[in-house]
Amino acid sequence: IFFGDNGGGDQFAFIRTPPRSDIFVWQHEDDSRRWVARDLQD
């Protein structure tokens, strides 16, 4: 579930399945999805 971006194409998302509070970044250049924060506040 995408909710924000960095202005350059990378987007930030929650994991929908299974639901998690962690935030991941999707990097459009290489289609990678990496953990970046433990929750929205972080």
PDB file of all heavy atoms in Angstrom:
ATOM      1  N   ILE A   1       0.888  -1.173   0.000  1.00  0.00           N
ATOM      2  CA  ILE A   1       0.000   0.000   0.000  1.00  0.00           C
ATOM      3  C   ILE A   1       0.917   1.212   0.000  1.00  0.00           C
ATOM      4  O   ILE A   1       1.532   1.557   1.013  1.00  0.00           O
ATOM      5  CB  ILE A   1      -0.930   0.050   1.229  1.00  0.00           C
ATOM      6  CG1 ILE A   1      -1.875  -1.125   1.232  1.00  0.00           C
ATOM      7  CG2 ILE A   1      -1.714   1.372   1.243  1.00  0.00           C
ATOM      8  CD1 ILE A   1      -2.805  -1.157   2.431  1.00  0.00           C
ATOM      9  N   PHE A   2       1.041   1.831  -1.177  1.00  0.00           N
ATOM     10  CA  PHE A   2       1.886   3.019  -1.317  1.00  0.00           C
ATOM     11  C   PHE A   2       1.213   4.215  -0.659  1.00  0.00           C
ATOM     12  O   PHE A   2      -0.002   4.367  -0.719  1.00  0.00           O
ATOM     13  CB  PHE A   2       2.129   3.327  -2.790  1.00  0.00           C
ATOM     14  CG  PHE A   2       2.977   2.304  -3.487  1.00  0.00           C
ATOM     15  CD1 PHE A   2       2.420   1.430  -4.400  1.00  0.00           C
ATOM     16  CD2 PHE A   2       4.337   2.220  -3.225  1.00  0.00           C
ATOM     17  CE1 PHE A   2       3.195   0.488  -5.053  1.00  0.00           C
ATOM     18  CE2 PHE A   2       5.131   1.274  -3.865  1.00  0.00           C
ATOM     19  CZ  PHE A   2       4.562   0.403  -4.784  1.00  0.00           C
ATOM     20  N   PHE A   3       2.050   5.095  -0.060  1.00  0.00           N
ATOM     21  CA  PHE A   3       1.483   6.280   0.596  1.00  0.00           C
ATOM     22  C   PHE A   3       2.335   7.533   0.435  1.00  0.00           C
ATOM     23  O   PHE A   3       1.934   8.607   0.849  1.00  0.00           O
ATOM     24  CB  PHE A   3       1.255   6.019   2.092  1.00  0.00           C
ATOM     25  CG  PHE A   3       2.539   5.845   2.856  1.00  0.00           C
ATOM     26  CD1 PHE A   3       3.218   6.952   3.381  1.00  0.00           C
ATOM     27  CD2 PHE A   3       3.087   4.589   3.031  1.00  0.00           C
ATOM     28  CE1 PHE A   3       4.405   6.798   4.068  1.00  0.00           C
ATOM     29  CE2 PHE A   3       4.278   4.425   3.724  1.00  0.00           C
ATOM     30  CZ  PHE A   3       4.931   5.533   4.239  1.00  0.00           C
ATOM     31  N   GLY A   4       3.516   7.434  -0.152  1.00  0.00           N
ATOM     32  CA  GLY A   4       4.375   8.602  -0.301  1.00  0.00           C
ATOM     33  C   GLY A   4       5.539   8.311  -1.225  1.00  0.00           C
ATOM     34  O   GLY A   4       5.731   7.170  -1.652  1.00  0.00           O
ATOM     35  N   ASP A   5       6.305   9.357  -1.542  1.00  0.00           N
ATOM     36  CA  ASP A   5       7.446   9.176  -2.439  1.00  0.00           C
ATOM     37  C   ASP A   5       8.575  10.124  -2.076  1.00  0.00           C
ATOM     38  O   ASP A   5       8.447  10.940  -1.177  1.00  0.00           O
ATOM     39  CB  ASP A   5       7.017   9.363  -3.893  1.00  0.00           C
ATOM     40  CG  ASP A   5       6.556  10.770  -4.204  1.00  0.00           C
ATOM     41  OD1 ASP A   5       7.432  11.638  -4.354  1.00  0.00           O
ATOM     42  OD2 ASP A   5       5.342  10.996  -4.312  1.00  0.00           O
ATOM     43  N   ASN A   6       9.679  10.007  -2.815  1.00  0.00           N
ATOM     44  CA  ASN A   6      10.847  10.854  -2.570  1.00  0.00           C
ATOM     45  C   ASN A   6      10.977  11.959  -3.613  1.00  0.00           C
ATOM     46  O   ASN A   6      11.959  12.696  -3.591  1.00  0.00           O
ATOM     47  CB  ASN A   6      12.124  10.015  -2.521  1.00  0.00           C
ATOM     48  CG  ASN A   6      12.555   9.522  -3.888  1.00  0.00           C
ATOM     49  OD1 ASN A   6      11.771   9.514  -4.842  1.00  0.00           O
ATOM     50  ND2 ASN A   6      13.786   9.087  -3.994  1.00  0.00           N
ATOM     51  N   GLY A   7      10.043  12.056  -4.541  1.00  0.00           N
ATOM     52  CA  GLY A   7      10.097  13.070  -5.585  1.00  0.00           C
ATOM     53  C   GLY A   7      10.928  12.656  -6.783  1.00  0.00           C
ATOM     54  O   GLY A   7      10.971  13.370  -7.777  1.00  0.00           O
ATOM     55  N   GLY A   8      11.584  11.521  -6.712  1.00  0.00           N
ATOM     56  CA  GLY A   8      12.428  11.063  -7.811  1.00  0.00           C
ATOM     57  C   GLY A   8      12.033   9.704  -8.358  1.00  0.00           C
ATOM     58  O   GLY A   8      12.761   9.115  -9.142  1.00  0.00           O
ATOM     59  N   GLY A   9      10.892   9.181  -7.938  1.00  0.00           N
ATOM     60  CA  GLY A   9      10.421   7.902  -8.462  1.00  0.00           C
ATOM     61  C   GLY A   9      10.333   6.785  -7.439  1.00  0.00           C
ATOM     62  O   GLY A   9       9.574   5.847  -7.619  1.00  0.00           O
ATOM     63  N   ASP A  10      11.135   6.860  -6.374  1.00  0.00           N
ATOM     64  CA  ASP A  10      11.052   5.829  -5.339  1.00  0.00           C
ATOM     65  C   ASP A  10       9.819   6.106  -4.483  1.00  0.00           C
ATOM     66  O   ASP A  10       9.493   7.250  -4.191  1.00  0.00           O
ATOM     67  CB  ASP A  10      12.300   5.840  -4.465  1.00  0.00           C
ATOM     68  CG  ASP A  10      13.552   5.455  -5.248  1.00  0.00           C
ATOM     69  OD1 ASP A  10      13.423   4.855  -6.321  1.00  0.00           O
ATOM     70  OD2 ASP A  10      14.653   5.775  -4.770  1.00  0.00           O
ATOM     71  N   GLN A  11       9.122   5.034  -4.103  1.00  0.00           N
ATOM     72  CA  GLN A  11       7.876   5.189  -3.350  1.00  0.00           C
ATOM     73  C   GLN A  11       7.916   4.359  -2.083  1.00  0.00           C
ATOM     74  O   GLN A  11       8.559   3.314  -2.028  1.00  0.00           O
ATOM     75  CB  GLN A  11       6.699   4.770  -4.236  1.00  0.00           C
ATOM     76  CG  GLN A  11       6.624   5.670  -5.444  1.00  0.00           C
ATOM     77  CD  GLN A  11       5.369   5.477  -6.241  1.00  0.00           C
ATOM     78  OE1 GLN A  11       4.354   5.023  -5.728  1.00  0.00           O
ATOM     79  NE2 GLN A  11       5.421   5.844  -7.498  1.00  0.00           N
ATOM     80  N   PHE A  12       7.171   4.858  -1.090  1.00  0.00           N
ATOM     81  CA  PHE A  12       7.147   4.222   0.226  1.00  0.00           C
ATOM     82  C   PHE A  12       5.812   3.533   0.439  1.00  0.00           C
ATOM     83  O   PHE A  12       4.769   4.021   0.004  1.00  0.00           O
ATOM     84  CB  PHE A  12       7.418   5.273   1.307  1.00  0.00           C
ATOM     85  CG  PHE A  12       8.761   5.906   1.118  1.00  0.00           C
ATOM     86  CD1 PHE A  12       8.882   7.122   0.464  1.00  0.00           C
ATOM     87  CD2 PHE A  12       9.907   5.255   1.538  1.00  0.00           C
ATOM     88  CE1 PHE A  12      10.125   7.692   0.245  1.00  0.00           C
ATOM     89  CE2 PHE A  12      11.167   5.813   1.324  1.00  0.00           C
ATOM     90  CZ  PHE A  12      11.268   7.040   0.670  1.00  0.00           C
ATOM     91  N   ALA A  13       5.869   2.382   1.121  1.00  0.00           N
ATOM     92  CA  ALA A  13       4.672   1.561   1.254  1.00  0.00           C
ATOM     93  C   ALA A  13       4.671   0.778   2.559  1.00  0.00           C
ATOM     94  O   ALA A  13       5.716   0.441   3.110  1.00  0.00           O
ATOM     95  CB  ALA A  13       4.587   0.577   0.090  1.00  0.00           C
ATOM     96  N   PHE A  14       3.456   0.493   2.999  1.00  0.00           N
ATOM     97  CA  PHE A  14       3.227  -0.508   4.039  1.00  0.00           C
ATOM     98  C   PHE A  14       3.090  -1.850   3.333  1.00  0.00           C
ATOM     99  O   PHE A  14       2.730  -1.910   2.160  1.00  0.00           O
ATOM    100  CB  PHE A  14       1.899  -0.246   4.765  1.00  0.00           C
ATOM    101  CG  PHE A  14       1.918   0.935   5.686  1.00  0.00           C
ATOM    102  CD1 PHE A  14       1.481   2.177   5.257  1.00  0.00           C
ATOM    103  CD2 PHE A  14       2.343   0.794   6.995  1.00  0.00           C
ATOM    104  CE1 PHE A  14       1.472   3.262   6.109  1.00  0.00           C
ATOM    105  CE2 PHE A  14       2.336   1.880   7.858  1.00  0.00           C
ATOM    106  CZ  PHE A  14       1.901   3.113   7.411  1.00  0.00           C
ATOM    107  N   ILE A  15       3.337  -2.925   4.063  1.00  0.00           N
ATOM    108  CA  ILE A  15       3.060  -4.257   3.551  1.00  0.00           C
ATOM    109  C   ILE A  15       1.603  -4.556   3.874  1.00  0.00           C
ATOM    110  O   ILE A  15       1.169  -4.440   5.013  1.00  0.00           O
ATOM    111  CB  ILE A  15       3.984  -5.315   4.192  1.00  0.00           C
ATOM    112  CG1 ILE A  15       5.446  -5.012   3.871  1.00  0.00           C
ATOM    113  CG2 ILE A  15       3.597  -6.716   3.740  1.00  0.00           C
ATOM    114  CD1 ILE A  15       5.800  -5.075   2.418  1.00  0.00           C
ATOM    115  N   ARG A  16       0.869  -4.893   2.867  1.00  0.00           N
ATOM    116  CA  ARG A  16      -0.569  -5.162   3.002  1.00  0.00           C
ATOM    117  C   ARG A  16      -0.827  -6.614   3.385  1.00  0.00           C
ATOM    118  O   ARG A  16      -1.730  -6.921   4.153  1.00  0.00           O
ATOM    119  CB  ARG A  16      -1.226  -4.815   1.664  1.00  0.00           C
ATOM    120  CG  ARG A  16      -2.669  -5.078   1.583  1.00  0.00           C
ATOM    121  CD  ARG A  16      -3.171  -4.604   0.237  1.00  0.00           C
ATOM    122  NE  ARG A  16      -4.142  -5.551  -0.252  1.00  0.00           N
ATOM    123  CZ  ARG A  16      -4.696  -5.516  -1.428  1.00  0.00           C
ATOM    124  NH1 ARG A  16      -4.374  -4.579  -2.278  1.00  0.00           N
ATOM    125  NH2 ARG A  16      -5.571  -6.398  -1.773  1.00  0.00           N
ATOM    126  N   THR A  17      -0.034  -7.527   2.802  1.00  0.00           N
ATOM    127  CA  THR A  17      -0.246  -8.947   3.014  1.00  0.00           C
ATOM    128  C   THR A  17       1.075  -9.597   3.380  1.00  0.00           C
ATOM    129  O   THR A  17       1.952  -9.673   2.521  1.00  0.00           O
ATOM    130  CB  THR A  17      -0.796  -9.612   1.742  1.00  0.00           C
ATOM    131  OG1 THR A  17      -1.907  -8.885   1.282  1.00  0.00           O
ATOM    132  CG2 THR A  17      -1.173 -11.042   1.984  1.00  0.00           C
ATOM    133  N   PRO A  18       1.259 -10.052   4.598  1.00  0.00           N
ATOM    134  CA  PRO A  18       0.414  -9.851   5.765  1.00  0.00           C
ATOM    135  C   PRO A  18       0.588  -8.426   6.285  1.00  0.00           C
ATOM    136  O   PRO A  18       1.648  -7.826   6.105  1.00  0.00           O
ATOM    137  CB  PRO A  18       0.959 -10.865   6.772  1.00  0.00           C
ATOM    138  CG  PRO A  18       2.402 -11.008   6.421  1.00  0.00           C
ATOM    139  CD  PRO A  18       2.483 -10.813   4.922  1.00  0.00           C
ATOM    140  N   PRO A  19      -0.432  -7.890   6.940  1.00  0.00           N
ATOM    141  CA  PRO A  19      -0.357  -6.508   7.432  1.00  0.00           C
ATOM    142  C   PRO A  19       0.817  -6.325   8.399  1.00  0.00           C
ATOM    143  O   PRO A  19       1.020  -7.144   9.290  1.00  0.00           O
ATOM    144  CB  PRO A  19      -1.680  -6.307   8.166  1.00  0.00           C
ATOM    145  CG  PRO A  19      -2.566  -7.399   7.706  1.00  0.00           C
ATOM    146  CD  PRO A  19      -1.686  -8.540   7.286  1.00  0.00           C
ATOM    147  N   ARG A  20       1.585  -5.261   8.144  1.00  0.00           N
ATOM    148  CA  ARG A  20       2.736  -4.942   8.996  1.00  0.00           C
ATOM    149  C   ARG A  20       2.808  -3.440   9.158  1.00  0.00           C
ATOM    150  O   ARG A  20       2.393  -2.696   8.291  1.00  0.00           O
ATOM    151  CB  ARG A  20       4.034  -5.429   8.351  1.00  0.00           C
ATOM    152  CG  ARG A  20       4.128  -6.927   8.229  1.00  0.00           C
ATOM    153  CD  ARG A  20       5.344  -7.367   7.469  1.00  0.00           C
ATOM    154  NE  ARG A  20       6.596  -6.919   8.081  1.00  0.00           N
ATOM    155  CZ  ARG A  20       7.787  -7.261   7.602  1.00  0.00           C
ATOM    156  NH1 ARG A  20       7.882  -8.045   6.556  1.00  0.00           N
ATOM    157  NH2 ARG A  20       8.873  -6.808   8.182  1.00  0.00           N
ATOM    158  N   SER A  21       3.403  -2.997  10.243  1.00  0.00           N
ATOM    159  CA  SER A  21       3.577  -1.561  10.453  1.00  0.00           C
ATOM    160  C   SER A  21       4.879  -1.056   9.840  1.00  0.00           C
ATOM    161  O   SER A  21       5.088   0.145   9.728  1.00  0.00           O
ATOM    162  CB  SER A  21       3.528  -1.223  11.944  1.00  0.00           C
ATOM    163  OG  SER A  21       4.568  -1.882  12.624  1.00  0.00           O
ATOM    164  N   ASP A  22       5.749  -1.967   9.412  1.00  0.00           N
ATOM    165  CA  ASP A  22       7.014  -1.577   8.802  1.00  0.00           C
ATOM    166  C   ASP A  22       6.785  -0.824   7.494  1.00  0.00           C
ATOM    167  O   ASP A  22       5.796  -1.045   6.790  1.00  0.00           O
ATOM    168  CB  ASP A  22       7.854  -2.819   8.475  1.00  0.00           C
ATOM    169  CG  ASP A  22       8.177  -3.639   9.691  1.00  0.00           C
ATOM    170  OD1 ASP A  22       9.138  -3.297  10.379  1.00  0.00           O
ATOM    171  OD2 ASP A  22       7.456  -4.628   9.938  1.00  0.00           O
ATOM    172  N   ILE A  23       7.756   0.041   7.153  1.00  0.00           N
ATOM    173  CA  ILE A  23       7.703   0.804   5.911  1.00  0.00           C
ATOM    174  C   ILE A  23       8.820   0.292   5.005  1.00  0.00           C
ATOM    175  O   ILE A  23       9.967   0.116   5.443  1.00  0.00           O
ATOM    176  CB  ILE A  23       7.907   2.317   6.164  1.00  0.00           C
ATOM    177  CG1 ILE A  23       6.914   2.840   7.201  1.00  0.00           C
ATOM    178  CG2 ILE A  23       7.859   3.100   4.856  1.00  0.00           C
ATOM    179  CD1 ILE A  23       5.471   2.767   6.820  1.00  0.00           C
ATOM    180  N   PHE A  24       8.475   0.094   3.748  1.00  0.00           N
ATOM    181  CA  PHE A  24       9.427  -0.344   2.737  1.00  0.00           C
ATOM    182  C   PHE A  24       9.502   0.705   1.639  1.00  0.00           C
ATOM    183  O   PHE A  24       8.551   1.449   1.413  1.00  0.00           O
ATOM    184  CB  PHE A  24       8.990  -1.684   2.136  1.00  0.00           C
ATOM    185  CG  PHE A  24       9.208  -2.852   3.057  1.00  0.00           C
ATOM    186  CD1 PHE A  24       8.401  -3.052   4.158  1.00  0.00           C
ATOM    187  CD2 PHE A  24      10.245  -3.745   2.827  1.00  0.00           C
ATOM    188  CE1 PHE A  24       8.605  -4.114   5.024  1.00  0.00           C
ATOM    189  CE2 PHE A  24      10.461  -4.812   3.685  1.00  0.00           C
ATOM    190  CZ  PHE A  24       9.637  -4.998   4.786  1.00  0.00           C
ATOM    191  N   VAL A  25      10.635   0.753   0.958  1.00  0.00           N
ATOM    192  CA  VAL A  25      10.778   1.615  -0.217  1.00  0.00           C
ATOM    193  C   VAL A  25      10.815   0.708  -1.443  1.00  0.00           C
ATOM    194  O   VAL A  25      11.453  -0.350  -1.434  1.00  0.00           O
ATOM    195  CB  VAL A  25      12.049   2.507  -0.150  1.00  0.00           C
ATOM    196  CG1 VAL A  25      13.332   1.689  -0.124  1.00  0.00           C
ATOM    197  CG2 VAL A  25      12.074   3.495  -1.309  1.00  0.00           C
ATOM    198  N   TRP A  26      10.078   1.118  -2.469  1.00  0.00           N
ATOM    199  CA  TRP A  26      10.166   0.474  -3.777  1.00  0.00           C
ATOM    200  C   TRP A  26      11.028   1.385  -4.633  1.00  0.00           C
ATOM    201  O   TRP A  26      10.705   2.552  -4.832  1.00  0.00           O
ATOM    202  CB  TRP A  26       8.789   0.303  -4.416  1.00  0.00           C
ATOM    203  CG  TRP A  26       8.894  -0.124  -5.846  1.00  0.00           C
ATOM    204  CD1 TRP A  26       9.409  -1.289  -6.331  1.00  0.00           C
ATOM    205  CD2 TRP A  26       8.470   0.626  -6.997  1.00  0.00           C
ATOM    206  NE1 TRP A  26       9.341  -1.305  -7.698  1.00  0.00           N
ATOM    207  CE2 TRP A  26       8.765  -0.135  -8.129  1.00  0.00           C
ATOM    208  CE3 TRP A  26       7.885   1.881  -7.159  1.00  0.00           C
ATOM    209  CZ2 TRP A  26       8.491   0.300  -9.422  1.00  0.00           C
ATOM    210  CZ3 TRP A  26       7.599   2.317  -8.443  1.00  0.00           C
ATOM    211  CH2 TRP A  26       7.899   1.525  -9.557  1.00  0.00           C
ATOM    212  N   GLN A  27      12.157   0.846  -5.099  1.00  0.00           N
ATOM    213  CA  GLN A  27      13.047   1.615  -5.951  1.00  0.00           C
ATOM    214  C   GLN A  27      12.766   1.235  -7.402  1.00  0.00           C
ATOM    215  O   GLN A  27      12.980   0.090  -7.808  1.00  0.00           O
ATOM    216  CB  GLN A  27      14.496   1.389  -5.544  1.00  0.00           C
ATOM    217  CG  GLN A  27      14.746   1.958  -4.140  1.00  0.00           C
ATOM    218  CD  GLN A  27      16.150   1.810  -3.663  1.00  0.00           C
ATOM    219  OE1 GLN A  27      16.608   0.712  -3.414  1.00  0.00           O
ATOM    220  NE2 GLN A  27      16.835   2.940  -3.523  1.00  0.00           N
ATOM    221  N   HIS A  28      12.278   2.211  -8.135  1.00  0.00           N
ATOM    222  CA  HIS A  28      11.786   1.951  -9.485  1.00  0.00           C
ATOM    223  C   HIS A  28      12.886   1.553 -10.470  1.00  0.00           C
ATOM    224  O   HIS A  28      12.600   0.863 -11.446  1.00  0.00           O
ATOM    225  CB  HIS A  28      11.019   3.166 -10.008  1.00  0.00           C
ATOM    226  CG  HIS A  28      11.875   4.356 -10.252  1.00  0.00           C
ATOM    227  ND1 HIS A  28      12.395   5.122  -9.227  1.00  0.00           N
ATOM    228  CD2 HIS A  28      12.310   4.913 -11.403  1.00  0.00           C
ATOM    229  CE1 HIS A  28      13.121   6.100  -9.749  1.00  0.00           C
ATOM    230  NE2 HIS A  28      13.083   6.001 -11.053  1.00  0.00           N
ATOM    231  N   GLU A  29      14.132   1.954 -10.218  1.00  0.00           N
ATOM    232  CA  GLU A  29      15.201   1.634 -11.157  1.00  0.00           C
ATOM    233  C   GLU A  29      15.460   0.134 -11.251  1.00  0.00           C
ATOM    234  O   GLU A  29      15.717  -0.394 -12.332  1.00  0.00           O
ATOM    235  CB  GLU A  29      16.523   2.323 -10.774  1.00  0.00           C
ATOM    236  CG  GLU A  29      16.482   3.826 -10.834  1.00  0.00           C
ATOM    237  CD  GLU A  29      16.119   4.436  -9.481  1.00  0.00           C
ATOM    238  OE1 GLU A  29      15.740   3.702  -8.534  1.00  0.00           O
ATOM    239  OE2 GLU A  29      16.196   5.678  -9.377  1.00  0.00           O
ATOM    240  N   ASP A  30      15.409  -0.546 -10.120  1.00  0.00           N
ATOM    241  CA  ASP A  30      15.731  -1.977 -10.125  1.00  0.00           C
ATOM    242  C   ASP A  30      14.607  -2.844  -9.545  1.00  0.00           C
ATOM    243  O   ASP A  30      14.795  -4.032  -9.346  1.00  0.00           O
ATOM    244  CB  ASP A  30      17.039  -2.234  -9.380  1.00  0.00           C
ATOM    245  CG  ASP A  30      16.985  -1.825  -7.914  1.00  0.00           C
ATOM    246  OD1 ASP A  30      15.904  -1.438  -7.412  1.00  0.00           O
ATOM    247  OD2 ASP A  30      18.037  -1.908  -7.252  1.00  0.00           O
ATOM    248  N   ASP A  31      13.457  -2.255  -9.267  1.00  0.00           N
ATOM    249  CA  ASP A  31      12.287  -2.966  -8.733  1.00  0.00           C
ATOM    250  C   ASP A  31      12.555  -3.615  -7.382  1.00  0.00           C
ATOM    251  O   ASP A  31      11.906  -4.587  -7.009  1.00  0.00           O
ATOM    252  CB  ASP A  31      11.778  -4.010  -9.746  1.00  0.00           C
ATOM    253  CG  ASP A  31      10.382  -4.502  -9.419  1.00  0.00           C
ATOM    254  OD1 ASP A  31       9.608  -3.768  -8.768  1.00  0.00           O
ATOM    255  OD2 ASP A  31      10.042  -5.640  -9.821  1.00  0.00           O
ATOM    256  N   SER A  32      13.518  -3.068  -6.620  1.00  0.00           N
ATOM    257  CA  SER A  32      13.779  -3.633  -5.301  1.00  0.00           C
ATOM    258  C   SER A  32      12.787  -3.065  -4.290  1.00  0.00           C
ATOM    259  O   SER A  32      12.247  -1.978  -4.459  1.00  0.00           O
ATOM    260  CB  SER A  32      15.219  -3.341  -4.857  1.00  0.00           C
ATOM    261  OG  SER A  32      15.414  -1.951  -4.698  1.00  0.00           O
ATOM    262  N   ARG A  33      12.555  -3.824  -3.257  1.00  0.00           N
ATOM    263  CA  ARG A  33      11.688  -3.436  -2.152  1.00  0.00           C
ATOM    264  C   ARG A  33      12.477  -3.708  -0.884  1.00  0.00           C
ATOM    265  O   ARG A  33      12.821  -4.849  -0.600  1.00  0.00           O
ATOM    266  CB  ARG A  33      10.396  -4.242  -2.160  1.00  0.00           C
ATOM    267  CG  ARG A  33       9.517  -3.945  -3.379  1.00  0.00           C
ATOM    268  CD  ARG A  33       9.368  -5.175  -4.277  1.00  0.00           C
ATOM    269  NE  ARG A  33       8.875  -4.879  -5.606  1.00  0.00           N
ATOM    270  CZ  ARG A  33       7.620  -5.009  -5.997  1.00  0.00           C
ATOM    271  NH1 ARG A  33       6.716  -5.439  -5.157  1.00  0.00           N
ATOM    272  NH2 ARG A  33       7.279  -4.719  -7.227  1.00  0.00           N
ATOM    273  N   ARG A  34      12.788  -2.636  -0.152  1.00  0.00           N
ATOM    274  CA  ARG A  34      13.630  -2.771   1.029  1.00  0.00           C
ATOM    275  C   ARG A  34      12.999  -2.106   2.232  1.00  0.00           C
ATOM    276  O   ARG A  34      12.372  -1.067   2.127  1.00  0.00           O
ATOM    277  CB  ARG A  34      14.998  -2.113   0.790  1.00  0.00           C
ATOM    278  CG  ARG A  34      15.884  -2.816  -0.183  1.00  0.00           C
ATOM    279  CD  ARG A  34      17.284  -2.184  -0.307  1.00  0.00           C
ATOM    280  NE  ARG A  34      17.299  -0.739  -0.495  1.00  0.00           N
ATOM    281  CZ  ARG A  34      17.542   0.155   0.462  1.00  0.00           C
ATOM    282  NH1 ARG A  34      17.766  -0.207   1.693  1.00  0.00           N
ATOM    283  NH2 ARG A  34      17.553   1.441   0.194  1.00  0.00           N
ATOM    284  N   TRP A  35      13.264  -2.687   3.405  1.00  0.00           N
ATOM    285  CA  TRP A  35      12.810  -2.124   4.674  1.00  0.00           C
ATOM    286  C   TRP A  35      13.544  -0.817   4.921  1.00  0.00           C
ATOM    287  O   TRP A  35      14.752  -0.721   4.720  1.00  0.00           O
ATOM    288  CB  TRP A  35      13.115  -3.114   5.793  1.00  0.00           C
ATOM    289  CG  TRP A  35      12.673  -2.663   7.149  1.00  0.00           C
ATOM    290  CD1 TRP A  35      11.485  -2.957   7.751  1.00  0.00           C
ATOM    291  CD2 TRP A  35      13.408  -1.863   8.085  1.00  0.00           C
ATOM    292  NE1 TRP A  35      11.441  -2.366   9.001  1.00  0.00           N
ATOM    293  CE2 TRP A  35      12.610  -1.692   9.230  1.00  0.00           C
ATOM    294  CE3 TRP A  35      14.648  -1.264   8.053  1.00  0.00           C
ATOM    295  CZ2 TRP A  35      13.016  -0.964  10.331  1.00  0.00           C
ATOM    296  CZ3 TRP A  35      15.067  -0.525   9.155  1.00  0.00           C
ATOM    297  CH2 TRP A  35      14.246  -0.385  10.279  1.00  0.00           C
ATOM    298  N   VAL A  36      12.796   0.233   5.394  1.00  0.00           N
ATOM    299  CA  VAL A  36      13.435   1.513   5.725  1.00  0.00           C
ATOM    300  C   VAL A  36      13.036   2.068   7.090  1.00  0.00           C
ATOM    301  O   VAL A  36      13.742   2.921   7.615  1.00  0.00           O
ATOM    302  CB  VAL A  36      13.179   2.596   4.646  1.00  0.00           C
ATOM    303  CG1 VAL A  36      13.858   2.229   3.343  1.00  0.00           C
ATOM    304  CG2 VAL A  36      11.705   2.869   4.449  1.00  0.00           C
ATOM    305  N   ALA A  37      11.931   1.619   7.655  1.00  0.00           N
ATOM    306  CA  ALA A  37      11.496   2.162   8.949  1.00  0.00           C
ATOM    307  C   ALA A  37      10.571   1.168   9.643  1.00  0.00           C
ATOM    308  O   ALA A  37       9.857   0.404   8.991  1.00  0.00           O
ATOM    309  CB  ALA A  37      10.782   3.499   8.767  1.00  0.00           C
ATOM    310  N   ARG A  38      10.573   1.226  10.978  1.00  0.00           N
ATOM    311  CA  ARG A  38       9.774   0.250  11.744  1.00  0.00           C
ATOM    312  C   ARG A  38       8.286   0.579  11.768  1.00  0.00           C
ATOM    313  O   ARG A  38       7.458  -0.280  12.009  1.00  0.00           O
ATOM    314  CB  ARG A  38      10.319   0.083  13.147  1.00  0.00           C
ATOM    315  CG  ARG A  38      10.179   1.272  14.043  1.00  0.00           C
ATOM    316  CD  ARG A  38      10.779   1.031  15.437  1.00  0.00           C
ATOM    317  NE  ARG A  38      10.755   2.241  16.206  1.00  0.00           N
ATOM    318  CZ  ARG A  38      11.688   3.184  16.165  1.00  0.00           C
ATOM    319  NH1 ARG A  38      12.734   3.030  15.388  1.00  0.00           N
ATOM    320  NH2 ARG A  38      11.574   4.270  16.887  1.00  0.00           N
ATOM    321  N   ASP A  39       7.951   1.879  11.539  1.00  0.00           N
ATOM    322  CA  ASP A  39       6.550   2.280  11.503  1.00  0.00           C
ATOM    323  C   ASP A  39       6.463   3.676  10.888  1.00  0.00           C
ATOM    324  O   ASP A  39       7.487   4.251  10.486  1.00  0.00           O
ATOM    325  CB  ASP A  39       5.910   2.232  12.896  1.00  0.00           C
ATOM    326  CG  ASP A  39       6.635   3.069  13.942  1.00  0.00           C
ATOM    327  OD1 ASP A  39       7.323   4.054  13.577  1.00  0.00           O
ATOM    328  OD2 ASP A  39       6.501   2.755  15.137  1.00  0.00           O
ATOM    329  N   LEU A  40       5.274   4.226  10.815  1.00  0.00           N
ATOM    330  CA  LEU A  40       5.076   5.513  10.167  1.00  0.00           C
ATOM    331  C   LEU A  40       5.795   6.640  10.901  1.00  0.00           C
ATOM    332  O   LEU A  40       6.394   7.516  10.270  1.00  0.00           O
ATOM    333  CB  LEU A  40       3.570   5.815  10.051  1.00  0.00           C
ATOM    334  CG  LEU A  40       3.180   7.034   9.231  1.00  0.00           C
ATOM    335  CD1 LEU A  40       3.708   6.955   7.808  1.00  0.00           C
ATOM    336  CD2 LEU A  40       1.651   7.184   9.220  1.00  0.00           C
ATOM    337  N   GLN A  41       5.791   6.627  12.210  1.00  0.00           N
ATOM    338  CA  GLN A  41       6.489   7.665  12.967  1.00  0.00           C
ATOM    339  C   GLN A  41       7.994   7.606  12.702  1.00  0.00           C
ATOM    340  O   GLN A  41       8.641   8.632  12.488  1.00  0.00           O
ATOM    341  CB  GLN A  41       6.198   7.550  14.458  1.00  0.00           C
ATOM    342  CG  GLN A  41       6.842   8.667  15.253  1.00  0.00           C
ATOM    343  CD  GLN A  41       6.365   8.713  16.692  1.00  0.00           C
ATOM    344  OE1 GLN A  41       5.384   8.093  17.059  1.00  0.00           O
ATOM    345  NE2 GLN A  41       7.080   9.453  17.513  1.00  0.00           N
ATOM    346  N   ASP A  42       8.556   6.422  12.699  1.00  0.00           N
ATOM    347  CA  ASP A  42       9.975   6.246  12.418  1.00  0.00           C
ATOM    348  C   ASP A  42      10.298   6.740  10.997  1.00  0.00           C
ATOM    349  O   ASP A  42      11.302   7.422  10.774  1.00  0.00           O
ATOM    350  CB  ASP A  42      10.344   4.772  12.595  1.00  0.00           C
ATOM    351  CG  ASP A  42      11.825   4.488  12.464  1.00  0.00           C
ATOM    352  OD1 ASP A  42      12.648   5.338  12.854  1.00  0.00           O
ATOM    353  OD2 ASP A  42      12.169   3.395  11.960  1.00  0.00           O
TER     354      ASP A  42
END
